[in-house]
């Protein structure tokens, strides 16, 4: 039941995103028809106001758990053997 619900939710989210993209494209096309110069300034990349992004500041691993007890290394085979 949960998978069915999540599937419906995902489709609704994709539809909403698609509608927003279409509205944005229509607005840009209208702007292009009204004022070509303003359109070019709108879609151009502004190098001055871009925020620099460095991924080296993000932790890439979780800290060790001090209460973790590692297994002793013995493996118990619980595989069923099927005999004919």
PDB file of N, CA and C in Angstrom:
ATOM      1  N   UNK A   1       0.821  -1.184   0.000  1.00  0.00           N
ATOM      2  CA  UNK A   1       0.000   0.000   0.000  1.00  0.00           C
ATOM      3  C   UNK A   1       0.874   1.260   0.000  1.00  0.00           C
ATOM      4  N   UNK A   2       1.970   1.199   0.784  1.00  0.00           N
ATOM      5  CA  UNK A   2       2.854   2.359   0.873  1.00  0.00           C
ATOM      6  C   UNK A   2       3.505   2.641  -0.483  1.00  0.00           C
ATOM      7  N   UNK A   3       3.917   1.594  -1.180  1.00  0.00           N
ATOM      8  CA  UNK A   3       4.524   1.773  -2.495  1.00  0.00           C
ATOM      9  C   UNK A   3       3.549   2.400  -3.482  1.00  0.00           C
ATOM     10  N   UNK A   4       2.304   1.995  -3.419  1.00  0.00           N
ATOM     11  CA  UNK A   4       1.278   2.573  -4.282  1.00  0.00           C
ATOM     12  C   UNK A   4       1.124   4.058  -3.989  1.00  0.00           C
ATOM     13  N   UNK A   5       1.053   4.411  -2.708  1.00  0.00           N
ATOM     14  CA  UNK A   5       0.917   5.815  -2.304  1.00  0.00           C
ATOM     15  C   UNK A   5       2.118   6.636  -2.769  1.00  0.00           C
ATOM     16  N   UNK A   6       3.336   6.104  -2.563  1.00  0.00           N
ATOM     17  CA  UNK A   6       4.540   6.837  -2.951  1.00  0.00           C
ATOM     18  C   UNK A   6       4.619   6.995  -4.470  1.00  0.00           C
ATOM     19  N   UNK A   7       4.133   5.998  -5.210  1.00  0.00           N
ATOM     20  CA  UNK A   7       4.112   6.105  -6.659  1.00  0.00           C
ATOM     21  C   UNK A   7       3.217   7.242  -7.115  1.00  0.00           C
ATOM     22  N   UNK A   8       2.038   7.326  -6.526  1.00  0.00           N
ATOM     23  CA  UNK A   8       1.117   8.424  -6.850  1.00  0.00           C
ATOM     24  C   UNK A   8       1.732   9.760  -6.469  1.00  0.00           C
ATOM     25  N   UNK A   9       2.348   9.825  -5.296  1.00  0.00           N
ATOM     26  CA  UNK A   9       2.970  11.065  -4.840  1.00  0.00           C
ATOM     27  C   UNK A   9       4.102  11.496  -5.783  1.00  0.00           C
ATOM     28  N   UNK A  10       4.917  10.556  -6.237  1.00  0.00           N
ATOM     29  CA  UNK A  10       6.012  10.880  -7.151  1.00  0.00           C
ATOM     30  C   UNK A  10       5.475  11.410  -8.473  1.00  0.00           C
ATOM     31  N   UNK A  11       4.421  10.777  -9.002  1.00  0.00           N
ATOM     32  CA  UNK A  11       3.834  11.258 -10.253  1.00  0.00           C
ATOM     33  C   UNK A  11       3.272  12.663 -10.095  1.00  0.00           C
ATOM     34  N   UNK A  12       2.648  12.947  -8.962  1.00  0.00           N
ATOM     35  CA  UNK A  12       2.104  14.284  -8.725  1.00  0.00           C
ATOM     36  C   UNK A  12       3.226  15.320  -8.634  1.00  0.00           C
ATOM     37  N   UNK A  13       4.335  14.975  -7.982  1.00  0.00           N
ATOM     38  CA  UNK A  13       5.462  15.894  -7.880  1.00  0.00           C
ATOM     39  C   UNK A  13       6.074  16.166  -9.245  1.00  0.00           C
ATOM     40  N   UNK A  14       6.249  15.107 -10.066  1.00  0.00           N
ATOM     41  CA  UNK A  14       6.800  15.299 -11.408  1.00  0.00           C
ATOM     42  C   UNK A  14       5.883  16.165 -12.257  1.00  0.00           C
ATOM     43  N   UNK A  15       4.562  15.965 -12.129  1.00  0.00           N
ATOM     44  CA  UNK A  15       3.612  16.779 -12.877  1.00  0.00           C
ATOM     45  C   UNK A  15       3.705  18.237 -12.444  1.00  0.00           C
ATOM     46  N   UNK A  16       3.820  18.487 -11.150  1.00  0.00           N
ATOM     47  CA  UNK A  16       3.932  19.863 -10.649  1.00  0.00           C
ATOM     48  C   UNK A  16       5.207  20.531 -11.161  1.00  0.00           C
ATOM     49  N   UNK A  17       6.311  19.804 -11.136  1.00  0.00           N
ATOM     50  CA  UNK A  17       7.581  20.355 -11.619  1.00  0.00           C
ATOM     51  C   UNK A  17       7.483  20.659 -13.106  1.00  0.00           C
ATOM     52  N   UNK A  18       6.867  19.746 -13.872  1.00  0.00           N
ATOM     53  CA  UNK A  18       6.703  19.972 -15.304  1.00  0.00           C
ATOM     54  C   UNK A  18       5.850  21.209 -15.580  1.00  0.00           C
ATOM     55  N   UNK A  19       4.796  21.410 -14.785  1.00  0.00           N
ATOM     56  CA  UNK A  19       3.941  22.580 -14.956  1.00  0.00           C
ATOM     57  C   UNK A  19       4.700  23.873 -14.642  1.00  0.00           C
ATOM     58  N   UNK A  20       5.537  23.851 -13.606  1.00  0.00           N
ATOM     59  CA  UNK A  20       6.333  25.032 -13.265  1.00  0.00           C
ATOM     60  C   UNK A  20       7.326  25.340 -14.379  1.00  0.00           C
ATOM     61  N   UNK A  21       7.974  24.293 -14.926  1.00  0.00           N
ATOM     62  CA  UNK A  21       8.915  24.504 -16.023  1.00  0.00           C
ATOM     63  C   UNK A  21       8.214  25.085 -17.244  1.00  0.00           C
ATOM     64  N   UNK A  22       7.025  24.580 -17.550  1.00  0.00           N
ATOM     65  CA  UNK A  22       6.282  25.097 -18.705  1.00  0.00           C
ATOM     66  C   UNK A  22       5.890  26.554 -18.488  1.00  0.00           C
ATOM     67  N   UNK A  23       5.456  26.892 -17.285  1.00  0.00           N
ATOM     68  CA  UNK A  23       5.089  28.277 -16.984  1.00  0.00           C
ATOM     69  C   UNK A  23       6.309  29.187 -17.096  1.00  0.00           C
ATOM     70  N   UNK A  24       7.451  28.722 -16.622  1.00  0.00           N
ATOM     71  CA  UNK A  24       8.677  29.509 -16.713  1.00  0.00           C
ATOM     72  C   UNK A  24       9.081  29.716 -18.171  1.00  0.00           C
ATOM     73  N   UNK A  25       8.986  28.664 -18.970  1.00  0.00           N
ATOM     74  CA  UNK A  25       9.329  28.794 -20.387  1.00  0.00           C
ATOM     75  C   UNK A  25       8.383  29.751 -21.112  1.00  0.00           C
ATOM     76  N   UNK A  26       7.086  29.684 -20.795  1.00  0.00           N
ATOM     77  CA  UNK A  26       6.131  30.614 -21.398  1.00  0.00           C
ATOM     78  C   UNK A  26       6.456  32.053 -21.003  1.00  0.00           C
ATOM     79  N   UNK A  27       6.810  32.266 -19.736  1.00  0.00           N
ATOM     80  CA  UNK A  27       7.153  33.615 -19.270  1.00  0.00           C
ATOM     81  C   UNK A  27       8.405  34.120 -19.975  1.00  0.00           C
ATOM     82  N   UNK A  28       9.406  33.251 -20.156  1.00  0.00           N
ATOM     83  CA  UNK A  28      10.626  33.671 -20.849  1.00  0.00           C
ATOM     84  C   UNK A  28      10.355  33.969 -22.323  1.00  0.00           C
ATOM     85  N   UNK A  29       9.512  33.174 -22.961  1.00  0.00           N
ATOM     86  CA  UNK A  29       9.172  33.436 -24.362  1.00  0.00           C
ATOM     87  C   UNK A  29       8.424  34.766 -24.503  1.00  0.00           C
ATOM     88  N   UNK A  30       7.523  35.043 -23.565  1.00  0.00           N
ATOM     89  CA  UNK A  30       6.806  36.321 -23.594  1.00  0.00           C
ATOM     90  C   UNK A  30       7.766  37.479 -23.390  1.00  0.00           C
ATOM     91  N   UNK A  31       8.706  37.319 -22.459  1.00  0.00           N
ATOM     92  CA  UNK A  31       9.704  38.357 -22.223  1.00  0.00           C
ATOM     93  C   UNK A  31      10.575  38.570 -23.455  1.00  0.00           C
ATOM     94  N   UNK A  32      10.910  37.478 -24.133  1.00  0.00           N
ATOM     95  CA  UNK A  32      11.723  37.575 -25.342  1.00  0.00           C
ATOM     96  C   UNK A  32      10.993  38.357 -26.437  1.00  0.00           C
ATOM     97  N   UNK A  33       9.674  38.141 -26.531  1.00  0.00           N
ATOM     98  CA  UNK A  33       8.882  38.875 -27.526  1.00  0.00           C
ATOM     99  C   UNK A  33       8.773  40.354 -27.163  1.00  0.00           C
ATOM    100  N   UNK A  34       8.658  40.664 -25.881  1.00  0.00           N
ATOM    101  CA  UNK A  34       8.471  42.046 -25.457  1.00  0.00           C
ATOM    102  C   UNK A  34       9.765  42.854 -25.477  1.00  0.00           C
ATOM    103  N   UNK A  35      10.848  42.268 -24.920  1.00  0.00           N
ATOM    104  CA  UNK A  35      12.102  43.014 -24.807  1.00  0.00           C
ATOM    105  C   UNK A  35      13.279  42.044 -24.916  1.00  0.00           C
ATOM    106  N   UNK A  36      13.876  42.000 -26.095  1.00  0.00           N
ATOM    107  CA  UNK A  36      14.966  41.060 -26.359  1.00  0.00           C
ATOM    108  C   UNK A  36      16.180  41.321 -25.462  1.00  0.00           C
ATOM    109  N   UNK A  37      16.486  42.585 -25.228  1.00  0.00           N
ATOM    110  CA  UNK A  37      17.646  42.935 -24.411  1.00  0.00           C
ATOM    111  C   UNK A  37      17.460  42.501 -22.951  1.00  0.00           C
ATOM    112  N   UNK A  38      16.278  42.725 -22.419  1.00  0.00           N
ATOM    113  CA  UNK A  38      15.992  42.299 -21.046  1.00  0.00           C
ATOM    114  C   UNK A  38      16.011  40.778 -20.938  1.00  0.00           C
ATOM    115  N   UNK A  39      15.532  40.100 -21.962  1.00  0.00           N
ATOM    116  CA  UNK A  39      15.564  38.633 -21.987  1.00  0.00           C
ATOM    117  C   UNK A  39      17.005  38.131 -21.933  1.00  0.00           C
ATOM    118  N   UNK A  40      17.880  38.719 -22.729  1.00  0.00           N
ATOM    119  CA  UNK A  40      19.288  38.296 -22.746  1.00  0.00           C
ATOM    120  C   UNK A  40      19.952  38.520 -21.389  1.00  0.00           C
ATOM    121  N   UNK A  41      19.642  39.643 -20.734  1.00  0.00           N
ATOM    122  CA  UNK A  41      20.196  39.882 -19.392  1.00  0.00           C
ATOM    123  C   UNK A  41      19.621  38.904 -18.379  1.00  0.00           C
ATOM    124  N   UNK A  42      18.387  38.483 -18.584  1.00  0.00           N
ATOM    125  CA  UNK A  42      17.744  37.565 -17.643  1.00  0.00           C
ATOM    126  C   UNK A  42      18.355  36.178 -17.693  1.00  0.00           C
ATOM    127  N   UNK A  43      18.610  35.673 -18.885  1.00  0.00           N
ATOM    128  CA  UNK A  43      19.106  34.306 -19.016  1.00  0.00           C
ATOM    129  C   UNK A  43      20.620  34.199 -18.973  1.00  0.00           C
ATOM    130  N   UNK A  44      21.335  35.317 -18.945  1.00  0.00           N
ATOM    131  CA  UNK A  44      22.793  35.258 -18.882  1.00  0.00           C
ATOM    132  C   UNK A  44      23.256  34.937 -17.457  1.00  0.00           C
ATOM    133  N   UNK A  45      24.440  34.363 -17.369  1.00  0.00           N
ATOM    134  CA  UNK A  45      25.021  33.999 -16.068  1.00  0.00           C
ATOM    135  C   UNK A  45      25.749  35.213 -15.509  1.00  0.00           C
ATOM    136  N   UNK A  46      25.419  35.574 -14.276  1.00  0.00           N
ATOM    137  CA  UNK A  46      26.054  36.716 -13.628  1.00  0.00           C
ATOM    138  C   UNK A  46      27.183  36.197 -12.751  1.00  0.00           C
ATOM    139  N   UNK A  47      28.417  36.341 -13.218  1.00  0.00           N
ATOM    140  CA  UNK A  47      29.577  35.803 -12.514  1.00  0.00           C
ATOM    141  C   UNK A  47      29.849  36.520 -11.192  1.00  0.00           C
ATOM    142  N   UNK A  48      29.393  37.747 -11.043  1.00  0.00           N
ATOM    143  CA  UNK A  48      29.700  38.538  -9.854  1.00  0.00           C
ATOM    144  C   UNK A  48      28.914  38.048  -8.644  1.00  0.00           C
ATOM    145  N   UNK A  49      27.646  37.705  -8.826  1.00  0.00           N
ATOM    146  CA  UNK A  49      26.799  37.377  -7.676  1.00  0.00           C
ATOM    147  C   UNK A  49      26.685  35.885  -7.407  1.00  0.00           C
ATOM    148  N   UNK A  50      27.400  35.045  -8.170  1.00  0.00           N
ATOM    149  CA  UNK A  50      27.338  33.617  -7.899  1.00  0.00           C
ATOM    150  C   UNK A  50      28.032  33.305  -6.580  1.00  0.00           C
ATOM    151  N   UNK A  51      27.440  32.431  -5.807  1.00  0.00           N
ATOM    152  CA  UNK A  51      28.008  32.043  -4.514  1.00  0.00           C
ATOM    153  C   UNK A  51      29.000  30.916  -4.758  1.00  0.00           C
ATOM    154  N   UNK A  52      30.245  31.076  -4.311  1.00  0.00           N
ATOM    155  CA  UNK A  52      31.208  29.993  -4.521  1.00  0.00           C
ATOM    156  C   UNK A  52      30.829  28.767  -3.690  1.00  0.00           C
ATOM    157  N   UNK A  53      31.035  27.607  -4.264  1.00  0.00           N
ATOM    158  CA  UNK A  53      30.668  26.360  -3.611  1.00  0.00           C
ATOM    159  C   UNK A  53      31.884  25.458  -3.541  1.00  0.00           C
ATOM    160  N   UNK A  54      32.227  25.048  -2.341  1.00  0.00           N
ATOM    161  CA  UNK A  54      33.332  24.128  -2.150  1.00  0.00           C
ATOM    162  C   UNK A  54      32.807  22.883  -1.450  1.00  0.00           C
ATOM    163  N   UNK A  55      32.948  21.746  -2.093  1.00  0.00           N
ATOM    164  CA  UNK A  55      32.429  20.521  -1.493  1.00  0.00           C
ATOM    165  C   UNK A  55      33.384  19.947  -0.457  1.00  0.00           C
ATOM    166  N   UNK A  56      34.584  20.504  -0.322  1.00  0.00           N
ATOM    167  CA  UNK A  56      35.542  19.962   0.641  1.00  0.00           C
ATOM    168  C   UNK A  56      35.132  20.269   2.086  1.00  0.00           C
ATOM    169  N   UNK A  57      34.179  21.185   2.273  1.00  0.00           N
ATOM    170  CA  UNK A  57      33.739  21.527   3.622  1.00  0.00           C
ATOM    171  C   UNK A  57      32.671  20.576   4.148  1.00  0.00           C
ATOM    172  N   UNK A  58      32.198  19.674   3.315  1.00  0.00           N
ATOM    173  CA  UNK A  58      31.136  18.747   3.706  1.00  0.00           C
ATOM    174  C   UNK A  58      31.773  17.470   4.221  1.00  0.00           C
ATOM    175  N   UNK A  59      31.283  16.989   5.359  1.00  0.00           N
ATOM    176  CA  UNK A  59      31.797  15.729   5.890  1.00  0.00           C
ATOM    177  C   UNK A  59      31.345  14.598   4.993  1.00  0.00           C
ATOM    178  N   UNK A  60      32.279  13.753   4.643  1.00  0.00           N
ATOM    179  CA  UNK A  60      31.979  12.671   3.721  1.00  0.00           C
ATOM    180  C   UNK A  60      31.888  11.314   4.415  1.00  0.00           C
ATOM    181  N   UNK A  61      32.057  11.283   5.702  1.00  0.00           N
ATOM    182  CA  UNK A  61      31.961  10.013   6.425  1.00  0.00           C
ATOM    183  C   UNK A  61      31.335  10.258   7.787  1.00  0.00           C
ATOM    184  N   UNK A  62      30.756   9.230   8.316  1.00  0.00           N
ATOM    185  CA  UNK A  62      30.142   9.355   9.629  1.00  0.00           C
ATOM    186  C   UNK A  62      31.191   9.068  10.701  1.00  0.00           C
ATOM    187  N   UNK A  63      31.067   9.670  11.865  1.00  0.00           N
ATOM    188  CA  UNK A  63      32.043   9.403  12.921  1.00  0.00           C
ATOM    189  C   UNK A  63      31.886   7.980  13.457  1.00  0.00           C
ATOM    190  N   UNK A  64      32.962   7.472  13.998  1.00  0.00           N
ATOM    191  CA  UNK A  64      32.933   6.120  14.538  1.00  0.00           C
ATOM    192  C   UNK A  64      32.033   6.048  15.763  1.00  0.00           C
ATOM    193  N   UNK A  65      31.329   4.930  15.902  1.00  0.00           N
ATOM    194  CA  UNK A  65      30.453   4.706  17.052  1.00  0.00           C
ATOM    195  C   UNK A  65      31.297   4.091  18.174  1.00  0.00           C
ATOM    196  N   UNK A  66      31.474   4.789  19.294  1.00  0.00           N
ATOM    197  CA  UNK A  66      32.323   4.245  20.360  1.00  0.00           C
ATOM    198  C   UNK A  66      31.711   3.017  21.030  1.00  0.00           C
ATOM    199  N   UNK A  67      30.424   2.787  20.901  1.00  0.00           N
ATOM    200  CA  UNK A  67      29.768   1.639  21.547  1.00  0.00           C
ATOM    201  C   UNK A  67      29.652   0.427  20.635  1.00  0.00           C
ATOM    202  N   UNK A  68      30.268   0.484  19.448  1.00  0.00           N
ATOM    203  CA  UNK A  68      30.158  -0.614  18.496  1.00  0.00           C
ATOM    204  C   UNK A  68      31.055  -1.772  18.911  1.00  0.00           C
ATOM    205  N   UNK A  69      30.488  -2.957  18.932  1.00  0.00           N
ATOM    206  CA  UNK A  69      31.249  -4.165  19.245  1.00  0.00           C
ATOM    207  C   UNK A  69      31.349  -4.977  17.952  1.00  0.00           C
ATOM    208  N   UNK A  70      32.544  -5.122  17.398  1.00  0.00           N
ATOM    209  CA  UNK A  70      32.657  -5.856  16.134  1.00  0.00           C
ATOM    210  C   UNK A  70      32.396  -7.345  16.331  1.00  0.00           C
ATOM    211  N   UNK A  71      31.935  -8.037  15.307  1.00  0.00           N
ATOM    212  CA  UNK A  71      31.687  -9.477  15.437  1.00  0.00           C
ATOM    213  C   UNK A  71      32.992 -10.238  15.650  1.00  0.00           C
ATOM    214  N   UNK A  72      32.889 -11.426  16.211  1.00  0.00           N
ATOM    215  CA  UNK A  72      34.083 -12.191  16.562  1.00  0.00           C
ATOM    216  C   UNK A  72      34.722 -12.880  15.373  1.00  0.00           C
ATOM    217  N   UNK A  73      34.080 -12.878  14.224  1.00  0.00           N
ATOM    218  CA  UNK A  73      34.669 -13.477  13.039  1.00  0.00           C
ATOM    219  C   UNK A  73      34.159 -14.872  12.754  1.00  0.00           C
ATOM    220  N   UNK A  74      33.445 -15.458  13.677  1.00  0.00           N
ATOM    221  CA  UNK A  74      32.883 -16.782  13.441  1.00  0.00           C
ATOM    222  C   UNK A  74      31.570 -16.635  12.671  1.00  0.00           C
ATOM    223  N   UNK A  75      31.434 -17.409  11.635  1.00  0.00           N
ATOM    224  CA  UNK A  75      30.240 -17.350  10.814  1.00  0.00           C
ATOM    225  C   UNK A  75      29.460 -18.639  10.992  1.00  0.00           C
ATOM    226  N   UNK A  76      28.204 -18.517  11.305  1.00  0.00           N
ATOM    227  CA  UNK A  76      27.336 -19.682  11.431  1.00  0.00           C
ATOM    228  C   UNK A  76      26.553 -19.816  10.137  1.00  0.00           C
ATOM    229  N   UNK A  77      26.767 -20.922   9.428  1.00  0.00           N
ATOM    230  CA  UNK A  77      26.093 -21.127   8.162  1.00  0.00           C
ATOM    231  C   UNK A  77      24.681 -21.642   8.443  1.00  0.00           C
ATOM    232  N   UNK A  78      23.698 -20.872   8.062  1.00  0.00           N
ATOM    233  CA  UNK A  78      22.304 -21.264   8.295  1.00  0.00           C
ATOM    234  C   UNK A  78      21.584 -21.546   6.975  1.00  0.00           C
ATOM    235  N   UNK A  79      22.374 -21.807   5.927  1.00  0.00           N
ATOM    236  CA  UNK A  79      21.791 -22.097   4.622  1.00  0.00           C
ATOM    237  C   UNK A  79      21.105 -23.441   4.662  1.00  0.00           C
ATOM    238  N   UNK A  80      19.877 -23.484   4.126  1.00  0.00           N
ATOM    239  CA  UNK A  80      19.150 -24.748   4.081  1.00  0.00           C
ATOM    240  C   UNK A  80      19.716 -25.619   2.970  1.00  0.00           C
ATOM    241  N   UNK A  81      19.835 -26.906   3.259  1.00  0.00           N
ATOM    242  CA  UNK A  81      20.300 -27.833   2.245  1.00  0.00           C
ATOM    243  C   UNK A  81      19.089 -28.602   1.752  1.00  0.00           C
ATOM    244  N   UNK A  82      18.868 -28.562   0.452  1.00  0.00           N
ATOM    245  CA  UNK A  82      17.730 -29.236  -0.148  1.00  0.00           C
ATOM    246  C   UNK A  82      18.202 -30.571  -0.717  1.00  0.00           C
ATOM    247  N   UNK A  83      17.581 -31.625  -0.261  1.00  0.00           N
ATOM    248  CA  UNK A  83      17.965 -32.962  -0.684  1.00  0.00           C
ATOM    249  C   UNK A  83      16.811 -33.573  -1.450  1.00  0.00           C
ATOM    250  N   UNK A  84      17.121 -34.253  -2.575  1.00  0.00           N
ATOM    251  CA  UNK A  84      16.076 -34.916  -3.368  1.00  0.00           C
ATOM    252  C   UNK A  84      16.092 -36.389  -3.124  1.00  0.00           C
TER     253      UNK A  84
END
